[in-house]
Amino acid sequence: MAGRQTDEAGMEPAAAVPPLTLGAVADRLMPHQLEVLGGFHTKGDEPGLPPGTATLLLIGPREPGFWQHLQAQPEWDGAPEPMDRWSRRVIGRLACDLGAKALFPFGGPPWHPFYSWALRSGAVWERPVRLLVHSWQGLMVSFRGALAVTQHLSLPEPDTAGPCATCPDKPCLTACPVSALTGAGYDVPACQTHLDQGGACMTGGCLVRRACPRSQTYARMPEHSAYHMRQFHR
Protein backbone atom coordinates (compact mmCIF):
# COMPACT_ATOMS: atom_id res chain seq x y z
CA MET A 1 0.00 0.00 0.00
CA ALA A 2 1.40 3.37 -0.96
CA GLY A 3 2.20 5.71 1.92
CA ARG A 4 0.77 9.19 2.38
CA GLN A 5 2.21 11.90 0.18
CA THR A 6 4.39 14.47 1.91
CA ASP A 7 6.26 17.55 0.81
CA GLU A 8 10.05 17.87 0.71
CA ALA A 9 10.12 18.64 4.43
CA GLY A 10 8.19 15.48 5.21
CA MET A 11 5.00 17.39 6.10
CA GLU A 12 1.56 16.43 4.90
CA PRO A 13 0.01 19.15 2.71
CA ALA A 14 -2.65 21.25 4.42
CA ALA A 15 -6.24 20.48 3.54
CA ALA A 16 -7.75 22.86 1.02
CA VAL A 17 -9.94 25.51 2.64
CA PRO A 18 -13.27 25.77 0.79
CA PRO A 19 -14.00 29.24 -0.59
CA LEU A 20 -16.34 31.35 1.50
CA THR A 21 -19.87 31.71 0.15
CA LEU A 22 -22.87 33.83 1.06
CA GLY A 23 -24.71 30.65 2.04
CA ALA A 24 -21.90 29.65 4.41
CA VAL A 25 -22.08 33.05 6.11
CA ALA A 26 -25.87 32.73 6.43
CA ASP A 27 -25.47 29.30 8.03
CA ARG A 28 -23.06 30.70 10.62
CA LEU A 29 -25.41 33.59 11.44
CA MET A 30 -28.58 31.51 11.79
CA PRO A 31 -27.92 30.09 15.31
CA HIS A 32 -27.57 33.70 16.54
CA GLN A 33 -30.88 34.83 14.96
CA LEU A 34 -28.98 37.03 12.54
CA GLU A 35 -29.04 37.26 8.75
CA VAL A 36 -27.42 39.03 5.83
CA LEU A 37 -29.60 42.02 4.92
CA GLY A 38 -27.63 43.01 1.83
CA GLY A 39 -24.14 43.63 0.61
CA PHE A 40 -22.03 45.15 -2.11
CA HIS A 41 -18.69 44.74 -3.83
CA THR A 42 -16.09 47.42 -3.24
CA LYS A 43 -14.21 49.38 -5.89
CA GLY A 44 -10.74 48.62 -4.64
CA ASP A 45 -9.61 49.98 -1.29
CA GLU A 46 -12.19 52.51 -0.09
CA PRO A 47 -11.98 55.02 2.78
CA GLY A 48 -13.63 53.67 5.91
CA LEU A 49 -13.20 50.02 4.96
CA PRO A 50 -10.32 47.74 5.97
CA PRO A 51 -7.67 47.39 3.24
CA GLY A 52 -8.32 44.38 1.03
CA THR A 53 -12.10 44.39 1.52
CA ALA A 54 -13.79 42.94 -1.56
CA THR A 55 -17.33 42.40 -0.23
CA LEU A 56 -19.21 44.14 2.58
CA LEU A 57 -22.13 42.26 4.15
CA LEU A 58 -24.70 44.05 6.32
CA ILE A 59 -25.91 41.98 9.28
CA GLY A 60 -29.16 42.37 11.21
CA PRO A 61 -31.80 40.56 13.27
CA ARG A 62 -33.49 37.49 11.81
CA GLU A 63 -37.14 37.08 12.70
CA PRO A 64 -39.04 35.44 14.19
CA GLY A 65 -37.11 34.73 17.37
CA PHE A 66 -34.45 37.44 17.64
CA TRP A 67 -35.83 39.20 20.70
CA GLN A 68 -36.30 36.00 22.70
CA HIS A 69 -32.81 34.83 21.73
CA LEU A 70 -31.19 38.10 22.76
CA GLN A 71 -32.83 38.12 26.18
CA ALA A 72 -31.35 34.67 26.89
CA GLN A 73 -27.77 35.85 26.29
CA PRO A 74 -25.25 36.67 29.06
CA GLU A 75 -25.15 40.32 28.01
CA TRP A 76 -28.80 40.70 29.07
CA ASP A 77 -27.61 41.31 32.61
CA GLY A 78 -29.03 44.71 33.52
CA ALA A 79 -25.87 46.60 32.54
CA PRO A 80 -26.03 49.31 29.84
CA GLU A 81 -26.06 48.56 26.11
CA PRO A 82 -26.73 44.80 26.18
CA MET A 83 -27.51 44.63 22.46
CA ASP A 84 -24.30 46.39 21.47
CA ARG A 85 -22.18 44.24 23.79
CA TRP A 86 -23.80 41.08 22.42
CA SER A 87 -23.26 42.26 18.83
CA ARG A 88 -19.58 42.89 19.46
CA ARG A 89 -19.08 39.42 20.94
CA VAL A 90 -21.08 37.43 18.39
CA ILE A 91 -20.28 39.26 15.16
CA GLY A 92 -16.69 39.91 16.25
CA ARG A 93 -16.09 36.22 16.94
CA LEU A 94 -17.72 35.22 13.67
CA ALA A 95 -15.52 37.68 11.78
CA CYS A 96 -12.42 36.10 13.31
CA ASP A 97 -13.61 32.62 12.34
CA LEU A 98 -14.25 33.70 8.75
CA GLY A 99 -11.09 35.75 8.31
CA ALA A 100 -13.21 38.90 7.99
CA LYS A 101 -13.32 42.21 9.86
CA ALA A 102 -16.32 43.22 12.00
CA LEU A 103 -17.63 46.78 11.76
CA PHE A 104 -20.39 48.26 13.91
CA PRO A 105 -22.89 51.15 13.72
CA PHE A 106 -22.11 52.13 17.32
CA GLY A 107 -18.97 52.92 19.29
CA GLY A 108 -18.06 56.16 17.49
CA PRO A 109 -17.05 58.75 16.75
CA PRO A 110 -15.89 58.21 14.12
CA TRP A 111 -19.03 56.48 12.89
CA HIS A 112 -19.15 53.98 10.06
CA PRO A 113 -21.52 55.12 7.26
CA PHE A 114 -24.09 52.33 7.57
CA TYR A 115 -26.77 54.54 6.03
CA SER A 116 -24.88 54.99 2.77
CA TRP A 117 -23.64 51.40 2.85
CA ALA A 118 -27.24 50.21 3.06
CA LEU A 119 -28.21 52.29 0.03
CA ARG A 120 -25.43 50.61 -1.97
CA SER A 121 -26.68 47.12 -1.16
CA GLY A 122 -29.55 46.98 -3.65
CA ALA A 123 -31.83 45.77 -0.85
CA VAL A 124 -32.49 49.08 0.96
CA TRP A 125 -33.94 52.43 -0.16
CA GLU A 126 -34.52 55.87 1.31
CA ARG A 127 -38.03 57.09 2.06
CA PRO A 128 -38.87 60.83 1.90
CA VAL A 129 -38.69 60.95 5.71
CA ARG A 130 -35.09 59.62 5.47
CA LEU A 131 -35.99 56.33 7.12
CA LEU A 132 -34.57 53.28 5.35
CA VAL A 133 -36.92 50.66 3.91
CA HIS A 134 -35.73 47.10 3.30
CA SER A 135 -36.89 44.51 0.76
CA TRP A 136 -38.45 42.16 3.32
CA GLN A 137 -38.08 43.94 6.68
CA GLY A 138 -39.72 47.17 5.52
CA LEU A 139 -39.23 50.15 7.83
CA MET A 140 -38.26 47.81 10.70
CA VAL A 141 -34.80 47.25 9.23
CA SER A 142 -31.88 47.62 11.63
CA PHE A 143 -28.22 46.66 11.50
CA ARG A 144 -26.17 45.04 14.25
CA GLY A 145 -22.92 45.10 12.31
CA ALA A 146 -21.16 44.37 9.04
CA LEU A 147 -18.58 41.90 7.82
CA ALA A 148 -15.76 43.17 5.62
CA VAL A 149 -14.71 40.12 3.61
CA THR A 150 -11.59 39.83 1.46
CA GLN A 151 -13.26 37.42 -1.00
CA HIS A 152 -15.47 38.53 -3.88
CA LEU A 153 -18.67 36.75 -2.83
CA SER A 154 -21.52 36.09 -5.22
CA LEU A 155 -24.42 38.38 -4.25
CA PRO A 156 -28.08 38.44 -5.36
CA GLU A 157 -29.01 40.76 -8.18
CA PRO A 158 -30.03 44.15 -6.74
CA ASP A 159 -33.69 45.16 -6.78
CA THR A 160 -33.78 48.33 -8.86
CA ALA A 161 -37.30 49.42 -7.86
CA GLY A 162 -37.80 48.71 -4.17
CA PRO A 163 -41.04 48.04 -2.28
CA CYS A 164 -42.27 51.65 -2.27
CA ALA A 165 -42.60 51.73 -6.06
CA THR A 166 -45.53 49.29 -5.92
CA CYS A 167 -47.08 50.55 -2.66
CA PRO A 168 -50.32 52.28 -3.75
CA ASP A 169 -51.33 54.06 -0.52
CA LYS A 170 -47.91 54.86 1.02
CA PRO A 171 -49.38 54.89 4.54
CA CYS A 172 -46.00 55.77 6.08
CA LEU A 173 -46.42 59.36 4.87
CA THR A 174 -49.55 60.01 6.95
CA ALA A 175 -49.17 57.64 9.92
CA CYS A 176 -47.41 60.00 12.35
CA PRO A 177 -49.99 61.38 14.80
CA VAL A 178 -48.14 64.69 15.18
CA SER A 179 -46.85 64.96 11.59
CA ALA A 180 -43.25 64.70 12.77
CA LEU A 181 -42.45 62.19 10.01
CA THR A 182 -43.85 63.22 6.63
CA GLY A 183 -42.74 63.74 3.07
CA ALA A 184 -41.46 67.15 4.18
CA GLY A 185 -38.84 65.50 6.41
CA TYR A 186 -38.33 64.61 10.08
CA ASP A 187 -39.20 67.06 12.85
CA VAL A 188 -37.17 65.55 15.70
CA PRO A 189 -38.31 67.99 18.46
CA ALA A 190 -41.98 67.32 17.63
CA CYS A 191 -41.31 63.58 17.75
CA GLN A 192 -39.59 63.79 21.13
CA THR A 193 -42.37 65.98 22.57
CA HIS A 194 -44.93 63.41 21.44
CA LEU A 195 -42.93 60.58 23.01
CA ASP A 196 -42.90 62.49 26.32
CA GLN A 197 -46.60 61.65 26.52
CA GLY A 198 -46.08 57.90 26.03
CA GLY A 199 -48.67 56.23 23.85
CA ALA A 200 -48.58 53.70 21.05
CA CYS A 201 -45.22 54.73 19.62
CA MET A 202 -43.48 54.12 22.93
CA THR A 203 -45.16 50.81 23.70
CA GLY A 204 -45.10 49.18 20.27
CA GLY A 205 -42.73 51.15 18.09
CA CYS A 206 -43.00 54.11 15.74
CA LEU A 207 -46.39 54.22 14.02
CA VAL A 208 -44.74 55.29 10.76
CA ARG A 209 -42.52 52.22 10.76
CA ARG A 210 -45.47 50.01 11.68
CA ALA A 211 -47.64 51.42 8.87
CA CYS A 212 -45.39 50.05 6.12
CA PRO A 213 -46.96 46.95 4.51
CA ARG A 214 -43.57 45.22 4.44
CA SER A 215 -43.10 45.97 8.14
CA GLN A 216 -46.45 44.31 8.85
CA THR A 217 -45.31 41.06 7.23
CA TYR A 218 -42.06 41.04 9.23
CA ALA A 219 -42.33 39.26 12.58
CA ARG A 220 -40.62 41.83 14.81
CA MET A 221 -42.10 41.83 18.30
CA PRO A 222 -43.57 45.07 19.73
CA GLU A 223 -41.36 44.61 22.81
CA HIS A 224 -38.28 44.77 20.59
CA SER A 225 -39.48 48.01 18.97
CA ALA A 226 -40.39 49.48 22.36
CA TYR A 227 -36.84 48.81 23.59
CA HIS A 228 -35.40 50.84 20.71
CA MET A 229 -37.87 53.66 21.32
CA ARG A 230 -36.78 53.86 24.96
CA GLN A 231 -33.13 54.04 23.86
CA PHE A 232 -33.99 56.78 21.37
CA HIS A 233 -36.05 58.80 23.85
CA ARG A 234 -33.89 58.55 26.95
C-alpha atoms as a PDB file:
ATOM      1  CA  MET A   1       0.000   0.000   0.000  1.00  0.00           C
ATOM      2  CA  ALA A   2       1.398   3.370  -0.964  1.00  0.00           C
ATOM      3  CA  GLY A   3       2.200   5.712   1.917  1.00  0.00           C
ATOM      4  CA  ARG A   4       0.769   9.186   2.376  1.00  0.00           C
ATOM      5  CA  GLN A   5       2.210  11.896   0.176  1.00  0.00           C
ATOM      6  CA  THR A   6       4.393  14.470   1.911  1.00  0.00           C
ATOM      7  CA  ASP A   7       6.261  17.549   0.813  1.00  0.00           C
ATOM      8  CA  GLU A   8      10.046  17.869   0.710  1.00  0.00           C
ATOM      9  CA  ALA A   9      10.117  18.641   4.429  1.00  0.00           C
ATOM     10  CA  GLY A  10       8.188  15.476   5.207  1.00  0.00           C
ATOM     11  CA  MET A  11       5.001  17.390   6.103  1.00  0.00           C
ATOM     12  CA  GLU A  12       1.562  16.431   4.895  1.00  0.00           C
ATOM     13  CA  PRO A  13       0.007  19.152   2.712  1.00  0.00           C
ATOM     14  CA  ALA A  14      -2.649  21.255   4.419  1.00  0.00           C
ATOM     15  CA  ALA A  15      -6.244  20.478   3.542  1.00  0.00           C
ATOM     16  CA  ALA A  16      -7.750  22.864   1.017  1.00  0.00           C
ATOM     17  CA  VAL A  17      -9.940  25.512   2.638  1.00  0.00           C
ATOM     18  CA  PRO A  18     -13.268  25.767   0.792  1.00  0.00           C
ATOM     19  CA  PRO A  19     -13.996  29.244  -0.587  1.00  0.00           C
ATOM     20  CA  LEU A  20     -16.339  31.353   1.499  1.00  0.00           C
ATOM     21  CA  THR A  21     -19.874  31.710   0.147  1.00  0.00           C
ATOM     22  CA  LEU A  22     -22.871  33.826   1.060  1.00  0.00           C
ATOM     23  CA  GLY A  23     -24.707  30.648   2.042  1.00  0.00           C
ATOM     24  CA  ALA A  24     -21.902  29.651   4.410  1.00  0.00           C
ATOM     25  CA  VAL A  25     -22.075  33.053   6.107  1.00  0.00           C
ATOM     26  CA  ALA A  26     -25.868  32.730   6.425  1.00  0.00           C
ATOM     27  CA  ASP A  27     -25.474  29.297   8.030  1.00  0.00           C
ATOM     28  CA  ARG A  28     -23.061  30.704  10.617  1.00  0.00           C
ATOM     29  CA  LEU A  29     -25.409  33.586  11.436  1.00  0.00           C
ATOM     30  CA  MET A  30     -28.576  31.515  11.793  1.00  0.00           C
ATOM     31  CA  PRO A  31     -27.922  30.095  15.311  1.00  0.00           C
ATOM     32  CA  HIS A  32     -27.575  33.697  16.543  1.00  0.00           C
ATOM     33  CA  GLN A  33     -30.877  34.826  14.960  1.00  0.00           C
ATOM     34  CA  LEU A  34     -28.979  37.034  12.541  1.00  0.00           C
ATOM     35  CA  GLU A  35     -29.043  37.257   8.751  1.00  0.00           C
ATOM     36  CA  VAL A  36     -27.416  39.034   5.826  1.00  0.00           C
ATOM     37  CA  LEU A  37     -29.598  42.018   4.924  1.00  0.00           C
ATOM     38  CA  GLY A  38     -27.635  43.010   1.832  1.00  0.00           C
ATOM     39  CA  GLY A  39     -24.141  43.626   0.605  1.00  0.00           C
ATOM     40  CA  PHE A  40     -22.026  45.150  -2.112  1.00  0.00           C
ATOM     41  CA  HIS A  41     -18.685  44.743  -3.833  1.00  0.00           C
ATOM     42  CA  THR A  42     -16.093  47.419  -3.245  1.00  0.00           C
ATOM     43  CA  LYS A  43     -14.206  49.383  -5.888  1.00  0.00           C
ATOM     44  CA  GLY A  44     -10.739  48.621  -4.643  1.00  0.00           C
ATOM     45  CA  ASP A  45      -9.612  49.979  -1.289  1.00  0.00           C
ATOM     46  CA  GLU A  46     -12.189  52.509  -0.089  1.00  0.00           C
ATOM     47  CA  PRO A  47     -11.975  55.015   2.776  1.00  0.00           C
ATOM     48  CA  GLY A  48     -13.633  53.673   5.911  1.00  0.00           C
ATOM     49  CA  LEU A  49     -13.198  50.022   4.955  1.00  0.00           C
ATOM     50  CA  PRO A  50     -10.320  47.735   5.965  1.00  0.00           C
ATOM     51  CA  PRO A  51      -7.665  47.388   3.235  1.00  0.00           C
ATOM     52  CA  GLY A  52      -8.325  44.384   1.032  1.00  0.00           C
ATOM     53  CA  THR A  53     -12.096  44.393   1.518  1.00  0.00           C
ATOM     54  CA  ALA A  54     -13.786  42.938  -1.563  1.00  0.00           C
ATOM     55  CA  THR A  55     -17.333  42.405  -0.229  1.00  0.00           C
ATOM     56  CA  LEU A  56     -19.210  44.136   2.582  1.00  0.00           C
ATOM     57  CA  LEU A  57     -22.134  42.264   4.146  1.00  0.00           C
ATOM     58  CA  LEU A  58     -24.701  44.050   6.319  1.00  0.00           C
ATOM     59  CA  ILE A  59     -25.906  41.978   9.279  1.00  0.00           C
ATOM     60  CA  GLY A  60     -29.158  42.366  11.210  1.00  0.00           C
ATOM     61  CA  PRO A  61     -31.804  40.555  13.273  1.00  0.00           C
ATOM     62  CA  ARG A  62     -33.491  37.494  11.812  1.00  0.00           C
ATOM     63  CA  GLU A  63     -37.138  37.083  12.705  1.00  0.00           C
ATOM     64  CA  PRO A  64     -39.035  35.438  14.186  1.00  0.00           C
ATOM     65  CA  GLY A  65     -37.114  34.735  17.369  1.00  0.00           C
ATOM     66  CA  PHE A  66     -34.446  37.443  17.643  1.00  0.00           C
ATOM     67  CA  TRP A  67     -35.833  39.201  20.703  1.00  0.00           C
ATOM     68  CA  GLN A  68     -36.296  35.997  22.704  1.00  0.00           C
ATOM     69  CA  HIS A  69     -32.811  34.833  21.730  1.00  0.00           C
ATOM     70  CA  LEU A  70     -31.192  38.102  22.755  1.00  0.00           C
ATOM     71  CA  GLN A  71     -32.828  38.117  26.182  1.00  0.00           C
ATOM     72  CA  ALA A  72     -31.353  34.671  26.891  1.00  0.00           C
ATOM     73  CA  GLN A  73     -27.768  35.850  26.287  1.00  0.00           C
ATOM     74  CA  PRO A  74     -25.249  36.669  29.058  1.00  0.00           C
ATOM     75  CA  GLU A  75     -25.152  40.325  28.006  1.00  0.00           C
ATOM     76  CA  TRP A  76     -28.801  40.701  29.066  1.00  0.00           C
ATOM     77  CA  ASP A  77     -27.606  41.311  32.615  1.00  0.00           C
ATOM     78  CA  GLY A  78     -29.030  44.713  33.524  1.00  0.00           C
ATOM     79  CA  ALA A  79     -25.869  46.600  32.542  1.00  0.00           C
ATOM     80  CA  PRO A  80     -26.030  49.305  29.843  1.00  0.00           C
ATOM     81  CA  GLU A  81     -26.057  48.558  26.110  1.00  0.00           C
ATOM     82  CA  PRO A  82     -26.730  44.800  26.183  1.00  0.00           C
ATOM     83  CA  MET A  83     -27.509  44.631  22.463  1.00  0.00           C
ATOM     84  CA  ASP A  84     -24.301  46.388  21.467  1.00  0.00           C
ATOM     85  CA  ARG A  85     -22.185  44.238  23.787  1.00  0.00           C
ATOM     86  CA  TRP A  86     -23.801  41.077  22.422  1.00  0.00           C
ATOM     87  CA  SER A  87     -23.262  42.259  18.829  1.00  0.00           C
ATOM     88  CA  ARG A  88     -19.576  42.887  19.459  1.00  0.00           C
ATOM     89  CA  ARG A  89     -19.084  39.423  20.936  1.00  0.00           C
ATOM     90  CA  VAL A  90     -21.076  37.428  18.395  1.00  0.00           C
ATOM     91  CA  ILE A  91     -20.277  39.258  15.162  1.00  0.00           C
ATOM     92  CA  GLY A  92     -16.695  39.911  16.249  1.00  0.00           C
ATOM     93  CA  ARG A  93     -16.093  36.218  16.936  1.00  0.00           C
ATOM     94  CA  LEU A  94     -17.723  35.224  13.667  1.00  0.00           C
ATOM     95  CA  ALA A  95     -15.517  37.677  11.779  1.00  0.00           C
ATOM     96  CA  CYS A  96     -12.417  36.100  13.311  1.00  0.00           C
ATOM     97  CA  ASP A  97     -13.612  32.622  12.344  1.00  0.00           C
ATOM     98  CA  LEU A  98     -14.246  33.699   8.747  1.00  0.00           C
ATOM     99  CA  GLY A  99     -11.087  35.753   8.311  1.00  0.00           C
ATOM    100  CA  ALA A 100     -13.209  38.904   7.992  1.00  0.00           C
ATOM    101  CA  LYS A 101     -13.324  42.214   9.862  1.00  0.00           C
ATOM    102  CA  ALA A 102     -16.322  43.218  12.003  1.00  0.00           C
ATOM    103  CA  LEU A 103     -17.628  46.781  11.761  1.00  0.00           C
ATOM    104  CA  PHE A 104     -20.395  48.255  13.913  1.00  0.00           C
ATOM    105  CA  PRO A 105     -22.894  51.149  13.720  1.00  0.00           C
ATOM    106  CA  PHE A 106     -22.111  52.132  17.319  1.00  0.00           C
ATOM    107  CA  GLY A 107     -18.972  52.921  19.294  1.00  0.00           C
ATOM    108  CA  GLY A 108     -18.055  56.163  17.487  1.00  0.00           C
ATOM    109  CA  PRO A 109     -17.049  58.747  16.745  1.00  0.00           C
ATOM    110  CA  PRO A 110     -15.891  58.208  14.118  1.00  0.00           C
ATOM    111  CA  TRP A 111     -19.029  56.477  12.891  1.00  0.00           C
ATOM    112  CA  HIS A 112     -19.148  53.976  10.056  1.00  0.00           C
ATOM    113  CA  PRO A 113     -21.516  55.118   7.260  1.00  0.00           C
ATOM    114  CA  PHE A 114     -24.092  52.329   7.573  1.00  0.00           C
ATOM    115  CA  TYR A 115     -26.767  54.541   6.033  1.00  0.00           C
ATOM    116  CA  SER A 116     -24.883  54.991   2.770  1.00  0.00           C
ATOM    117  CA  TRP A 117     -23.637  51.401   2.849  1.00  0.00           C
ATOM    118  CA  ALA A 118     -27.238  50.214   3.062  1.00  0.00           C
ATOM    119  CA  LEU A 119     -28.212  52.289   0.033  1.00  0.00           C
ATOM    120  CA  ARG A 120     -25.426  50.608  -1.968  1.00  0.00           C
ATOM    121  CA  SER A 121     -26.684  47.122  -1.156  1.00  0.00           C
ATOM    122  CA  GLY A 122     -29.549  46.977  -3.649  1.00  0.00           C
ATOM    123  CA  ALA A 123     -31.835  45.771  -0.848  1.00  0.00           C
ATOM    124  CA  VAL A 124     -32.494  49.083   0.965  1.00  0.00           C
ATOM    125  CA  TRP A 125     -33.942  52.427  -0.159  1.00  0.00           C
ATOM    126  CA  GLU A 126     -34.516  55.865   1.310  1.00  0.00           C
ATOM    127  CA  ARG A 127     -38.028  57.093   2.058  1.00  0.00           C
ATOM    128  CA  PRO A 128     -38.867  60.831   1.896  1.00  0.00           C
ATOM    129  CA  VAL A 129     -38.690  60.954   5.714  1.00  0.00           C
ATOM    130  CA  ARG A 130     -35.094  59.624   5.475  1.00  0.00           C
ATOM    131  CA  LEU A 131     -35.995  56.326   7.117  1.00  0.00           C
ATOM    132  CA  LEU A 132     -34.571  53.279   5.345  1.00  0.00           C
ATOM    133  CA  VAL A 133     -36.917  50.662   3.907  1.00  0.00           C
ATOM    134  CA  HIS A 134     -35.730  47.098   3.297  1.00  0.00           C
ATOM    135  CA  SER A 135     -36.890  44.514   0.759  1.00  0.00           C
ATOM    136  CA  TRP A 136     -38.445  42.161   3.321  1.00  0.00           C
ATOM    137  CA  GLN A 137     -38.079  43.943   6.676  1.00  0.00           C
ATOM    138  CA  GLY A 138     -39.718  47.168   5.523  1.00  0.00           C
ATOM    139  CA  LEU A 139     -39.226  50.153   7.834  1.00  0.00           C
ATOM    140  CA  MET A 140     -38.262  47.808  10.698  1.00  0.00           C
ATOM    141  CA  VAL A 141     -34.798  47.252   9.231  1.00  0.00           C
ATOM    142  CA  SER A 142     -31.876  47.622  11.632  1.00  0.00           C
ATOM    143  CA  PHE A 143     -28.216  46.662  11.503  1.00  0.00           C
ATOM    144  CA  ARG A 144     -26.174  45.038  14.249  1.00  0.00           C
ATOM    145  CA  GLY A 145     -22.924  45.096  12.308  1.00  0.00           C
ATOM    146  CA  ALA A 146     -21.164  44.372   9.044  1.00  0.00           C
ATOM    147  CA  LEU A 147     -18.576  41.895   7.822  1.00  0.00           C
ATOM    148  CA  ALA A 148     -15.758  43.172   5.618  1.00  0.00           C
ATOM    149  CA  VAL A 149     -14.709  40.118   3.607  1.00  0.00           C
ATOM    150  CA  THR A 150     -11.593  39.829   1.461  1.00  0.00           C
ATOM    151  CA  GLN A 151     -13.259  37.419  -0.998  1.00  0.00           C
ATOM    152  CA  HIS A 152     -15.470  38.531  -3.881  1.00  0.00           C
ATOM    153  CA  LEU A 153     -18.670  36.752  -2.831  1.00  0.00           C
ATOM    154  CA  SER A 154     -21.521  36.087  -5.221  1.00  0.00           C
ATOM    155  CA  LEU A 155     -24.420  38.383  -4.249  1.00  0.00           C
ATOM    156  CA  PRO A 156     -28.076  38.442  -5.362  1.00  0.00           C
ATOM    157  CA  GLU A 157     -29.013  40.755  -8.179  1.00  0.00           C
ATOM    158  CA  PRO A 158     -30.035  44.145  -6.738  1.00  0.00           C
ATOM    159  CA  ASP A 159     -33.691  45.160  -6.778  1.00  0.00           C
ATOM    160  CA  THR A 160     -33.783  48.329  -8.856  1.00  0.00           C
ATOM    161  CA  ALA A 161     -37.300  49.417  -7.859  1.00  0.00           C
ATOM    162  CA  GLY A 162     -37.797  48.708  -4.169  1.00  0.00           C
ATOM    163  CA  PRO A 163     -41.042  48.039  -2.279  1.00  0.00           C
ATOM    164  CA  CYS A 164     -42.270  51.655  -2.270  1.00  0.00           C
ATOM    165  CA  ALA A 165     -42.602  51.727  -6.060  1.00  0.00           C
ATOM    166  CA  THR A 166     -45.531  49.290  -5.924  1.00  0.00           C
ATOM    167  CA  CYS A 167     -47.078  50.551  -2.665  1.00  0.00           C
ATOM    168  CA  PRO A 168     -50.324  52.279  -3.750  1.00  0.00           C
ATOM    169  CA  ASP A 169     -51.329  54.060  -0.524  1.00  0.00           C
ATOM    170  CA  LYS A 170     -47.911  54.857   1.023  1.00  0.00           C
ATOM    171  CA  PRO A 171     -49.381  54.890   4.543  1.00  0.00           C
ATOM    172  CA  CYS A 172     -46.004  55.769   6.079  1.00  0.00           C
ATOM    173  CA  LEU A 173     -46.422  59.364   4.871  1.00  0.00           C
ATOM    174  CA  THR A 174     -49.550  60.011   6.948  1.00  0.00           C
ATOM    175  CA  ALA A 175     -49.166  57.638   9.916  1.00  0.00           C
ATOM    176  CA  CYS A 176     -47.409  60.000  12.349  1.00  0.00           C
ATOM    177  CA  PRO A 177     -49.992  61.377  14.803  1.00  0.00           C
ATOM    178  CA  VAL A 178     -48.141  64.695  15.177  1.00  0.00           C
ATOM    179  CA  SER A 179     -46.849  64.962  11.589  1.00  0.00           C
ATOM    180  CA  ALA A 180     -43.252  64.699  12.766  1.00  0.00           C
ATOM    181  CA  LEU A 181     -42.448  62.189  10.013  1.00  0.00           C
ATOM    182  CA  THR A 182     -43.855  63.216   6.633  1.00  0.00           C
ATOM    183  CA  GLY A 183     -42.736  63.739   3.068  1.00  0.00           C
ATOM    184  CA  ALA A 184     -41.457  67.151   4.181  1.00  0.00           C
ATOM    185  CA  GLY A 185     -38.838  65.495   6.408  1.00  0.00           C
ATOM    186  CA  TYR A 186     -38.333  64.611  10.075  1.00  0.00           C
ATOM    187  CA  ASP A 187     -39.197  67.058  12.852  1.00  0.00           C
ATOM    188  CA  VAL A 188     -37.166  65.548  15.700  1.00  0.00           C
ATOM    189  CA  PRO A 189     -38.305  67.987  18.463  1.00  0.00           C
ATOM    190  CA  ALA A 190     -41.975  67.318  17.629  1.00  0.00           C
ATOM    191  CA  CYS A 191     -41.315  63.581  17.753  1.00  0.00           C
ATOM    192  CA  GLN A 192     -39.587  63.788  21.130  1.00  0.00           C
ATOM    193  CA  THR A 193     -42.367  65.975  22.574  1.00  0.00           C
ATOM    194  CA  HIS A 194     -44.928  63.412  21.440  1.00  0.00           C
ATOM    195  CA  LEU A 195     -42.931  60.578  23.011  1.00  0.00           C
ATOM    196  CA  ASP A 196     -42.905  62.491  26.324  1.00  0.00           C
ATOM    197  CA  GLN A 197     -46.604  61.646  26.524  1.00  0.00           C
ATOM    198  CA  GLY A 198     -46.082  57.902  26.034  1.00  0.00           C
ATOM    199  CA  GLY A 199     -48.668  56.230  23.849  1.00  0.00           C
ATOM    200  CA  ALA A 200     -48.583  53.703  21.054  1.00  0.00           C
ATOM    201  CA  CYS A 201     -45.219  54.731  19.615  1.00  0.00           C
ATOM    202  CA  MET A 202     -43.482  54.123  22.934  1.00  0.00           C
ATOM    203  CA  THR A 203     -45.155  50.813  23.697  1.00  0.00           C
ATOM    204  CA  GLY A 204     -45.099  49.178  20.271  1.00  0.00           C
ATOM    205  CA  GLY A 205     -42.730  51.150  18.085  1.00  0.00           C
ATOM    206  CA  CYS A 206     -42.998  54.114  15.738  1.00  0.00           C
ATOM    207  CA  LEU A 207     -46.394  54.216  14.019  1.00  0.00           C
ATOM    208  CA  VAL A 208     -44.744  55.291  10.758  1.00  0.00           C
ATOM    209  CA  ARG A 209     -42.519  52.220  10.762  1.00  0.00           C
ATOM    210  CA  ARG A 210     -45.470  50.010  11.678  1.00  0.00           C
ATOM    211  CA  ALA A 211     -47.645  51.423   8.871  1.00  0.00           C
ATOM    212  CA  CYS A 212     -45.386  50.053   6.125  1.00  0.00           C
ATOM    213  CA  PRO A 213     -46.964  46.947   4.514  1.00  0.00           C
ATOM    214  CA  ARG A 214     -43.570  45.221   4.440  1.00  0.00           C
ATOM    215  CA  SER A 215     -43.096  45.966   8.139  1.00  0.00           C
ATOM    216  CA  GLN A 216     -46.445  44.314   8.851  1.00  0.00           C
ATOM    217  CA  THR A 217     -45.312  41.061   7.227  1.00  0.00           C
ATOM    218  CA  TYR A 218     -42.057  41.039   9.233  1.00  0.00           C
ATOM    219  CA  ALA A 219     -42.325  39.256  12.580  1.00  0.00           C
ATOM    220  CA  ARG A 220     -40.621  41.830  14.811  1.00  0.00           C
ATOM    221  CA  MET A 221     -42.105  41.831  18.304  1.00  0.00           C
ATOM    222  CA  PRO A 222     -43.570  45.070  19.726  1.00  0.00           C
ATOM    223  CA  GLU A 223     -41.362  44.614  22.808  1.00  0.00           C
ATOM    224  CA  HIS A 224     -38.283  44.773  20.588  1.00  0.00           C
ATOM    225  CA  SER A 225     -39.483  48.013  18.972  1.00  0.00           C
ATOM    226  CA  ALA A 226     -40.393  49.477  22.365  1.00  0.00           C
ATOM    227  CA  TYR A 227     -36.843  48.810  23.588  1.00  0.00           C
ATOM    228  CA  HIS A 228     -35.397  50.839  20.714  1.00  0.00           C
ATOM    229  CA  MET A 229     -37.869  53.655  21.321  1.00  0.00           C
ATOM    230  CA  ARG A 230     -36.778  53.862  24.957  1.00  0.00           C
ATOM    231  CA  GLN A 231     -33.127  54.041  23.863  1.00  0.00           C
ATOM    232  CA  PHE A 232     -33.986  56.785  21.375  1.00  0.00           C
ATOM    233  CA  HIS A 233     -36.053  58.797  23.853  1.00  0.00           C
ATOM    234  CA  ARG A 234     -33.889  58.547  26.953  1.00  0.00           C
END
